[in-house]
Amino acid sequence: MLQNQDILIFALPRHDGQYESTSFNIAKELAKHNRVIYIDDPYSIKDVVRNFSRPEIKRRFRFFIPFSLGISPWEQEGIRLNVLTLPPTIPINSLKPGALYNFFLKINTCIVGNRIARAIKKLGLKKVIYINSFEFYYPNLTKYIKPVLNVYHCIDGMIKPYTLRHGPRLERILVQEADAVISTSPELRRLKEQDNPKSYLIPNAANFSHSSQALSPETPVADELKQYPKPIIGYFGNIERRIDYTILEYIAKTHPEWSFVMVGPVEAEYIPPQIFSIPTIFFVGRQPYSRLPEFLKGFDVAIVPFKVDDISRTIYPLKLYEYLGAGKPVVSTFFNPDVLEKKDGIIFLADTPELFADAILQALTSNNDSNVEKRLEIARNNTWECRGEEFSNLVESLLLKK
């Protein structure tokens, strides 16, 4: 296991984001035995101006000053690390690929790199291990860091137009230049292996101690759920492009006796308008991760109704183990065979709207203590503690090989 090392993790998910992130959970696990600096994705100048009054901007404002070190300690449940806040950068994503974009990218890289270099010097870091966790917008930072090991951590595929504008091209630079690439799904590993043969797999996991609180008598059911008729078929996560709304519409119309509760931020541009008019589909909105057990406790069945396509094959959703960690029966499409093929019998799998409806009915009528325990056992074997140890051992072996 990796111990007493200096580790920089530059991540696209910020440490205080509203949702659990693979990046920060791995950072917390590595911080148990190492000195970790977690570098938040920088805000652009436009972000700061537009959202000046938002709490996440206000609490960072003192770090936006050019001569600030940007370092703040973070501690929770005995885990300690430092968070590095970067200065605002120039908004350049709207620019076309080419000389002008590359010019401003160099300026932004200089802004980011100089802050990181100052933090390394201030904290007295030596022989730095650098992990870029899906922060693909900054592929040329190693000259500021001079790491002894350069790892790219790929945690997701790219699907949104904003990301696709520059993301794949910049990420490829990171992948090719990395000493190793660690991906969260088998399909991502296969894709990255084309540009870097030193590619490894460490899947996502979940916080079992948190999701299992849904089983505690002391955990209340979320008040938002009490107004809806039982049974409740629930989803917790982003409500956007990945969801197969054909399935959702079919099962809601053929089973009006079920309540479909969608918990999470709604990206309405991806949702067919008729979905909003179905009286048994309810959108609860974005909820803090701390309330996850309250919502899971109120679900009778938890669903993962993802589309089956090339993008879905790259997904290894955290919610899968969160659902199982609450002991809930799970119905899912067969969106990623690598993730789901060994879970048939524990997770109800369905390929069509008709079969999805049948699977929900089976999940509602076949739940028992034995099945709950089987789900919990899978969740216990897929915790962040387990993944953190795998990640630590892999990085240690890579360091020894260098």
Protein backbone atom coordinates (compact mmCIF):
# COMPACT_ATOMS: atom_id res chain seq x y z
CA MET A 1 0.00 0.00 0.00
CA LEU A 2 1.15 3.51 -0.85
CA GLN A 3 2.33 5.35 2.28
CA ASN A 4 3.99 8.66 3.19
CA GLN A 5 3.86 9.99 -0.36
CA ASP A 6 3.05 13.48 -1.66
CA ILE A 7 0.08 13.23 -4.03
CA LEU A 8 -1.53 15.93 -6.16
CA ILE A 9 -5.01 15.14 -7.51
CA PHE A 10 -6.34 17.64 -10.05
CA ALA A 11 -10.02 16.81 -10.57
CA LEU A 12 -12.94 18.01 -12.64
CA PRO A 13 -15.43 17.30 -9.78
CA ARG A 14 -14.92 19.87 -7.02
CA HIS A 15 -14.48 18.63 -3.47
CA ASP A 16 -17.69 20.30 -2.26
CA GLY A 17 -19.93 19.38 -5.18
CA GLN A 18 -23.49 18.33 -4.43
CA TYR A 19 -22.92 14.76 -5.56
CA GLU A 20 -20.52 12.06 -4.55
CA SER A 21 -17.57 11.89 -6.92
CA THR A 22 -15.15 9.10 -7.66
CA SER A 23 -12.29 11.61 -7.66
CA PHE A 24 -12.82 12.93 -4.15
CA ASN A 25 -13.58 9.53 -2.66
CA ILE A 26 -10.31 8.16 -4.01
CA ALA A 27 -8.54 11.27 -2.67
CA LYS A 28 -9.96 10.65 0.80
CA GLU A 29 -8.84 7.03 0.77
CA LEU A 30 -5.30 7.93 -0.35
CA ALA A 31 -5.18 10.65 2.31
CA LYS A 32 -5.46 8.04 5.06
CA HIS A 33 -1.78 7.14 4.57
CA ASN A 34 -0.37 9.94 2.41
CA ARG A 35 -0.21 13.71 2.10
CA VAL A 36 -2.85 14.64 -0.46
CA ILE A 37 -3.59 17.96 -2.13
CA TYR A 38 -6.90 17.98 -3.97
CA ILE A 39 -7.03 20.63 -6.69
CA ASP A 40 -10.53 21.83 -7.56
CA ASP A 41 -11.52 22.54 -11.14
CA PRO A 42 -11.10 26.33 -11.59
CA TYR A 43 -14.02 28.67 -12.19
CA SER A 44 -13.82 30.91 -15.22
CA ILE A 45 -14.03 34.68 -14.87
CA LYS A 46 -17.48 34.46 -16.44
CA ASP A 47 -18.56 31.89 -13.82
CA VAL A 48 -17.47 34.20 -11.01
CA VAL A 49 -19.21 37.28 -12.42
CA ARG A 50 -22.47 35.49 -13.22
CA ASN A 51 -22.65 33.59 -9.93
CA PHE A 52 -21.04 36.10 -7.60
CA SER A 53 -23.71 35.67 -4.91
CA ARG A 54 -23.69 31.86 -4.86
CA PRO A 55 -22.27 30.27 -1.67
CA GLU A 56 -19.64 28.20 -3.50
CA ILE A 57 -18.25 31.37 -5.08
CA LYS A 58 -18.42 33.44 -1.91
CA ARG A 59 -16.47 30.96 0.18
CA ARG A 60 -13.72 30.85 -2.44
CA PHE A 61 -13.50 34.54 -3.19
CA ARG A 62 -10.51 35.18 -0.93
CA PHE A 63 -8.59 32.53 -2.88
CA PHE A 64 -9.29 34.20 -6.23
CA ILE A 65 -6.86 37.00 -5.41
CA PRO A 66 -3.74 36.50 -7.59
CA PHE A 67 -1.23 36.37 -4.71
CA SER A 68 -3.27 33.99 -2.56
CA LEU A 69 -1.81 30.54 -2.04
CA GLY A 70 -5.29 29.06 -2.34
CA ILE A 71 -4.62 26.34 0.24
CA SER A 72 -7.28 25.32 2.77
CA PRO A 73 -7.35 22.29 5.08
CA TRP A 74 -10.19 19.78 4.84
CA GLU A 75 -10.95 17.26 7.57
CA GLN A 76 -13.79 14.82 8.15
CA GLU A 77 -14.02 11.64 10.21
CA GLY A 78 -10.30 11.72 10.91
CA ILE A 79 -9.30 12.08 7.25
CA ARG A 80 -7.19 15.13 6.47
CA LEU A 81 -6.08 16.65 3.20
CA ASN A 82 -5.50 20.06 1.66
CA VAL A 83 -7.75 21.60 -0.99
CA LEU A 84 -6.19 23.94 -3.52
CA THR A 85 -8.43 26.61 -5.04
CA LEU A 86 -7.19 28.05 -8.32
CA PRO A 87 -7.57 31.61 -9.65
CA PRO A 88 -10.35 32.25 -12.20
CA THR A 89 -9.39 31.42 -15.76
CA ILE A 90 -10.30 32.91 -19.13
CA PRO A 91 -13.49 31.38 -20.62
CA ILE A 92 -12.38 29.81 -23.90
CA ASN A 93 -14.64 26.81 -24.54
CA SER A 94 -16.69 28.71 -27.12
CA LEU A 95 -13.60 29.17 -29.31
CA LYS A 96 -13.03 26.82 -32.20
CA PRO A 97 -10.05 24.44 -32.06
CA GLY A 98 -7.04 26.17 -33.51
CA ALA A 99 -4.37 28.77 -32.90
CA LEU A 100 -6.53 31.21 -30.92
CA TYR A 101 -7.83 28.50 -28.58
CA ASN A 102 -4.31 27.14 -28.09
CA PHE A 103 -3.00 30.62 -27.29
CA PHE A 104 -5.53 31.21 -24.50
CA LEU A 105 -5.13 27.62 -23.28
CA LYS A 106 -1.45 28.37 -22.71
CA ILE A 107 -2.42 31.44 -20.67
CA ASN A 108 -4.90 29.44 -18.58
CA THR A 109 -2.34 26.67 -18.10
CA CYS A 110 0.12 29.29 -16.88
CA ILE A 111 -2.46 30.69 -14.42
CA VAL A 112 -3.24 27.23 -13.08
CA GLY A 113 0.32 25.91 -13.19
CA ASN A 114 1.86 28.84 -11.31
CA ARG A 115 -0.66 28.49 -8.47
CA ILE A 116 0.07 24.76 -8.25
CA ALA A 117 3.85 25.31 -8.35
CA ARG A 118 3.61 27.85 -5.52
CA ALA A 119 1.56 25.43 -3.43
CA ILE A 120 4.12 22.65 -4.01
CA LYS A 121 6.89 24.95 -2.82
CA LYS A 122 4.94 26.29 0.17
CA LEU A 123 3.98 22.81 1.38
CA GLY A 124 7.47 21.46 0.77
CA LEU A 125 6.29 18.60 -1.41
CA LYS A 126 8.95 16.21 -2.72
CA LYS A 127 8.74 13.54 -5.41
CA VAL A 128 5.15 14.37 -6.25
CA ILE A 129 2.75 11.76 -7.62
CA TYR A 130 0.38 13.56 -9.99
CA ILE A 131 -3.09 12.16 -10.66
CA ASN A 132 -5.22 13.99 -13.20
CA SER A 133 -8.77 12.84 -12.46
CA PHE A 134 -10.76 13.63 -15.60
CA GLU A 135 -9.52 17.26 -15.64
CA PHE A 136 -8.94 17.00 -19.37
CA TYR A 137 -9.02 20.75 -20.01
CA TYR A 138 -5.42 21.11 -18.77
CA PRO A 139 -3.21 18.57 -20.53
CA ASN A 140 0.13 20.38 -20.21
CA LEU A 141 0.69 20.90 -16.50
CA THR A 142 3.47 18.43 -15.79
CA LYS A 143 6.20 21.01 -16.51
CA TYR A 144 4.94 22.97 -13.48
CA ILE A 145 4.65 19.89 -11.28
CA LYS A 146 7.60 17.72 -12.39
CA PRO A 147 6.01 14.55 -11.01
CA VAL A 148 7.82 11.28 -10.38
CA LEU A 149 4.65 9.54 -11.61
CA ASN A 150 1.98 10.90 -13.95
CA VAL A 151 -1.38 9.08 -13.85
CA TYR A 152 -4.55 9.88 -15.79
CA HIS A 153 -7.76 8.80 -14.07
CA CYS A 154 -10.68 8.45 -16.51
CA ILE A 155 -13.98 8.42 -14.62
CA ASP A 156 -16.56 8.92 -17.36
CA GLY A 157 -17.32 9.17 -21.05
CA MET A 158 -18.09 12.46 -22.76
CA ILE A 159 -21.60 13.06 -24.08
CA LYS A 160 -22.49 16.76 -23.81
CA PRO A 161 -21.81 19.22 -26.65
CA TYR A 162 -19.95 21.58 -24.29
CA THR A 163 -17.52 18.84 -23.32
CA LEU A 164 -17.23 17.31 -26.79
CA ARG A 165 -16.09 20.61 -28.30
CA HIS A 166 -12.54 20.22 -26.99
CA GLY A 167 -12.60 17.36 -24.48
CA PRO A 168 -11.74 14.29 -26.60
CA ARG A 169 -8.78 16.01 -28.27
CA LEU A 170 -7.33 17.32 -24.99
CA GLU A 171 -7.96 14.08 -23.13
CA ARG A 172 -6.08 12.13 -25.77
CA ILE A 173 -2.98 14.23 -25.05
CA LEU A 174 -3.27 13.38 -21.35
CA VAL A 175 -3.74 9.68 -22.07
CA GLN A 176 -0.78 9.47 -24.43
CA GLU A 177 1.59 11.32 -22.10
CA ALA A 178 0.58 9.55 -18.87
CA ASP A 179 2.76 6.89 -17.27
CA ALA A 180 -0.47 4.96 -16.75
CA VAL A 181 -4.21 5.31 -17.22
CA ILE A 182 -6.76 4.09 -14.67
CA SER A 183 -10.39 3.84 -15.85
CA THR A 184 -13.61 3.21 -13.96
CA SER A 185 -15.24 0.86 -16.48
CA PRO A 186 -13.98 -1.94 -18.74
CA GLU A 187 -15.14 -0.11 -21.86
CA LEU A 188 -13.28 3.07 -20.88
CA ARG A 189 -10.17 1.00 -20.25
CA ARG A 190 -10.45 -0.61 -23.68
CA LEU A 191 -10.85 2.79 -25.33
CA LYS A 192 -7.90 4.38 -23.52
CA GLU A 193 -5.74 1.34 -24.18
CA GLN A 194 -5.69 2.31 -27.84
CA ASP A 195 -3.58 5.35 -26.96
CA ASN A 196 -1.76 4.01 -23.91
CA PRO A 197 -1.13 0.28 -23.40
CA LYS A 198 -0.50 0.86 -19.70
CA SER A 199 -4.23 0.97 -18.96
CA TYR A 200 -5.87 -0.44 -15.85
CA LEU A 201 -9.36 -0.90 -14.42
CA ILE A 202 -10.55 0.16 -10.97
CA PRO A 203 -14.38 0.39 -10.98
CA ASN A 204 -16.57 2.81 -9.10
CA ALA A 205 -18.00 1.95 -5.71
CA ALA A 206 -20.25 3.54 -3.10
CA ASN A 207 -20.33 4.71 0.49
CA PHE A 208 -21.91 1.66 2.11
CA SER A 209 -22.03 3.18 5.61
CA HIS A 210 -24.08 6.05 4.18
CA SER A 211 -26.54 4.23 1.92
CA SER A 212 -27.13 1.47 4.49
CA GLN A 213 -28.57 4.10 6.84
CA ALA A 214 -31.76 3.57 4.85
CA LEU A 215 -32.16 0.31 6.81
CA SER A 216 -31.99 2.05 10.18
CA PRO A 217 -35.25 2.56 12.12
CA GLU A 218 -33.91 6.00 13.05
CA THR A 219 -33.76 7.17 9.43
CA PRO A 220 -37.00 8.89 8.42
CA VAL A 221 -38.56 8.57 4.98
CA ALA A 222 -38.08 11.79 3.03
CA ASP A 223 -41.08 14.08 3.55
CA GLU A 224 -41.26 14.65 -0.20
CA LEU A 225 -42.17 10.98 -0.73
CA LYS A 226 -45.00 10.81 1.78
CA GLN A 227 -47.45 12.54 -0.56
CA TYR A 228 -47.14 9.91 -3.29
CA PRO A 229 -49.15 6.65 -3.39
CA LYS A 230 -47.27 3.40 -2.87
CA PRO A 231 -45.54 1.57 -4.39
CA ILE A 232 -42.81 4.08 -5.21
CA ILE A 233 -40.49 3.30 -8.09
CA GLY A 234 -37.54 5.59 -7.48
CA TYR A 235 -34.52 7.01 -9.27
CA PHE A 236 -31.78 9.09 -7.63
CA GLY A 237 -29.34 10.94 -9.91
CA ASN A 238 -29.06 13.27 -12.88
CA ILE A 239 -32.15 13.27 -15.08
CA GLU A 240 -30.71 13.84 -18.52
CA ARG A 241 -29.57 12.27 -21.78
CA ARG A 242 -28.70 8.82 -20.45
CA ILE A 243 -32.22 7.89 -19.41
CA ASP A 244 -34.42 5.88 -21.78
CA TYR A 245 -37.64 7.90 -21.63
CA THR A 246 -39.45 5.43 -23.89
CA ILE A 247 -39.22 2.88 -21.10
CA LEU A 248 -40.26 5.41 -18.46
CA GLU A 249 -43.28 6.53 -20.48
CA TYR A 250 -44.42 2.97 -21.21
CA ILE A 251 -44.29 1.68 -17.64
CA ALA A 252 -45.93 4.82 -16.25
CA LYS A 253 -48.84 4.56 -18.69
CA THR A 254 -49.32 0.80 -18.35
CA HIS A 255 -49.06 0.86 -14.55
CA PRO A 256 -50.82 3.99 -13.32
CA GLU A 257 -51.01 2.40 -9.86
CA TRP A 258 -47.24 2.96 -9.42
CA SER A 259 -45.62 6.27 -8.48
CA PHE A 260 -42.44 7.10 -10.36
CA VAL A 261 -40.31 9.49 -8.33
CA MET A 262 -37.28 11.05 -10.04
CA VAL A 263 -34.87 12.63 -7.56
CA GLY A 264 -32.17 14.83 -9.05
CA PRO A 265 -31.46 17.85 -11.24
CA VAL A 266 -33.55 17.96 -14.39
CA GLU A 267 -31.96 18.78 -17.75
CA ALA A 268 -35.23 19.46 -19.53
CA GLU A 269 -33.71 19.73 -23.01
CA TYR A 270 -33.17 15.95 -23.00
CA ILE A 271 -36.65 15.02 -21.77
CA PRO A 272 -39.58 14.51 -24.20
CA PRO A 273 -42.33 17.06 -23.32
CA GLN A 274 -45.00 14.39 -22.86
CA ILE A 275 -43.09 12.95 -19.88
CA PHE A 276 -43.96 16.04 -17.82
CA SER A 277 -47.68 15.54 -18.46
CA ILE A 278 -47.85 11.98 -17.12
CA PRO A 279 -49.61 12.30 -13.73
CA THR A 280 -47.72 9.49 -11.99
CA ILE A 281 -44.19 10.73 -12.80
CA PHE A 282 -42.95 13.13 -10.13
CA PHE A 283 -39.81 15.25 -10.27
CA VAL A 284 -38.50 16.09 -6.80
CA GLY A 285 -35.51 18.13 -7.93
CA ARG A 286 -31.88 18.24 -6.82
CA GLN A 287 -31.33 16.91 -3.29
CA PRO A 288 -28.15 16.88 -1.20
CA TYR A 289 -26.27 13.60 -1.00
CA SER A 290 -26.70 13.68 2.78
CA ARG A 291 -30.41 12.97 2.25
CA LEU A 292 -29.85 9.92 0.03
CA PRO A 293 -30.81 7.39 2.79
CA GLU A 294 -34.14 9.18 3.39
CA PHE A 295 -35.13 8.82 -0.23
CA LEU A 296 -33.85 5.27 -0.62
CA LYS A 297 -35.82 4.24 2.44
CA GLY A 298 -39.01 5.39 0.74
CA PHE A 299 -38.33 3.55 -2.54
CA ASP A 300 -40.03 0.18 -3.00
CA VAL A 301 -37.96 -0.47 -6.14
CA ALA A 302 -34.94 1.47 -7.40
CA ILE A 303 -34.38 1.77 -11.14
CA VAL A 304 -31.52 2.41 -13.57
CA PRO A 305 -33.41 3.02 -16.84
CA PHE A 306 -30.39 3.94 -18.96
CA LYS A 307 -30.28 3.82 -22.74
CA VAL A 308 -28.38 0.93 -24.28
CA ASP A 309 -25.81 2.58 -26.56
CA ASP A 310 -22.09 3.16 -26.97
CA ILE A 311 -22.04 5.87 -24.30
CA SER A 312 -23.80 3.64 -21.77
CA ARG A 313 -21.12 0.99 -22.16
CA THR A 314 -18.67 3.43 -20.54
CA ILE A 315 -20.87 4.03 -17.47
CA TYR A 316 -20.21 2.46 -14.09
CA PRO A 317 -22.84 4.26 -12.00
CA LEU A 318 -22.28 4.92 -8.32
CA LYS A 319 -26.04 4.64 -7.76
CA LEU A 320 -25.95 0.91 -8.46
CA TYR A 321 -24.11 0.15 -5.22
CA GLU A 322 -25.97 2.89 -3.36
CA TYR A 323 -29.25 1.17 -4.18
CA LEU A 324 -27.85 -2.24 -3.21
CA GLY A 325 -26.32 -0.78 -0.05
CA ALA A 326 -29.82 0.19 1.03
CA GLY A 327 -31.01 -3.36 0.38
CA LYS A 328 -33.40 -2.22 -2.34
CA PRO A 329 -34.47 -4.38 -5.28
CA VAL A 330 -32.99 -2.89 -8.43
CA VAL A 331 -34.36 -3.01 -11.98
CA SER A 332 -32.01 -1.96 -14.75
CA THR A 333 -31.61 -2.05 -18.47
CA PHE A 334 -28.67 -4.11 -19.70
CA PHE A 335 -26.81 -0.88 -20.47
CA ASN A 336 -23.35 -2.22 -19.71
CA PRO A 337 -22.75 -5.99 -19.89
CA ASP A 338 -19.33 -5.61 -18.26
CA VAL A 339 -20.97 -4.20 -15.15
CA LEU A 340 -24.17 -6.22 -15.06
CA GLU A 341 -23.51 -9.67 -16.53
CA LYS A 342 -22.50 -11.24 -13.20
CA LYS A 343 -25.37 -9.64 -11.27
CA ASP A 344 -28.30 -11.31 -13.00
CA GLY A 345 -30.41 -12.78 -10.23
CA ILE A 346 -29.47 -9.99 -7.83
CA ILE A 347 -30.42 -7.15 -10.17
CA PHE A 348 -33.51 -7.53 -12.37
CA LEU A 349 -32.44 -6.90 -15.97
CA ALA A 350 -34.74 -5.95 -18.85
CA ASP A 351 -34.12 -5.04 -22.48
CA THR A 352 -37.55 -3.73 -23.54
CA PRO A 353 -40.24 -1.51 -21.98
CA GLU A 354 -42.52 -4.54 -21.58
CA LEU A 355 -39.85 -6.60 -19.84
CA PHE A 356 -38.87 -3.62 -17.68
CA ALA A 357 -42.44 -3.36 -16.40
CA ASP A 358 -42.53 -7.12 -15.74
CA ALA A 359 -39.23 -6.88 -13.87
CA ILE A 360 -40.57 -4.14 -11.60
CA LEU A 361 -43.61 -6.27 -10.84
CA GLN A 362 -41.36 -9.22 -10.03
CA ALA A 363 -39.17 -7.01 -7.82
CA LEU A 364 -42.21 -5.79 -5.91
CA THR A 365 -43.56 -9.28 -5.27
CA SER A 366 -40.38 -11.26 -4.58
CA ASN A 367 -38.60 -9.14 -2.00
CA ASN A 368 -37.50 -10.96 1.15
CA ASP A 369 -34.80 -10.88 3.83
CA SER A 370 -32.60 -13.35 1.95
CA ASN A 371 -32.56 -11.16 -1.17
CA VAL A 372 -31.86 -8.07 0.90
CA GLU A 373 -28.82 -9.73 2.43
CA LYS A 374 -27.50 -10.75 -0.99
CA ARG A 375 -27.71 -7.13 -2.12
CA LEU A 376 -25.96 -5.89 0.98
CA GLU A 377 -23.18 -8.41 0.52
CA ILE A 378 -22.44 -7.10 -2.98
CA ALA A 379 -22.45 -3.53 -1.68
CA ARG A 380 -20.08 -4.42 1.18
CA ASN A 381 -17.60 -5.79 -1.36
CA ASN A 382 -17.74 -2.63 -3.47
CA THR A 383 -16.96 0.18 -1.06
CA TRP A 384 -14.64 3.15 -1.46
CA GLU A 385 -12.39 1.57 1.15
CA CYS A 386 -11.95 -1.44 -1.14
CA ARG A 387 -11.39 0.72 -4.22
CA GLY A 388 -9.01 3.01 -2.36
CA GLU A 389 -6.84 0.06 -1.41
CA GLU A 390 -6.82 -1.21 -5.02
CA PHE A 391 -5.93 2.27 -6.27
CA SER A 392 -3.18 2.67 -3.67
CA ASN A 393 -1.62 -0.72 -4.45
CA LEU A 394 -1.70 -0.06 -8.19
CA VAL A 395 -0.07 3.36 -7.88
CA GLU A 396 2.57 1.91 -5.55
CA SER A 397 3.42 -0.80 -8.09
CA LEU A 398 3.64 1.80 -10.87
CA LEU A 399 5.93 3.93 -8.74
CA LEU A 400 8.22 0.99 -8.00
CA LYS A 401 8.45 0.17 -11.73
CA LYS A 402 9.57 3.72 -12.50
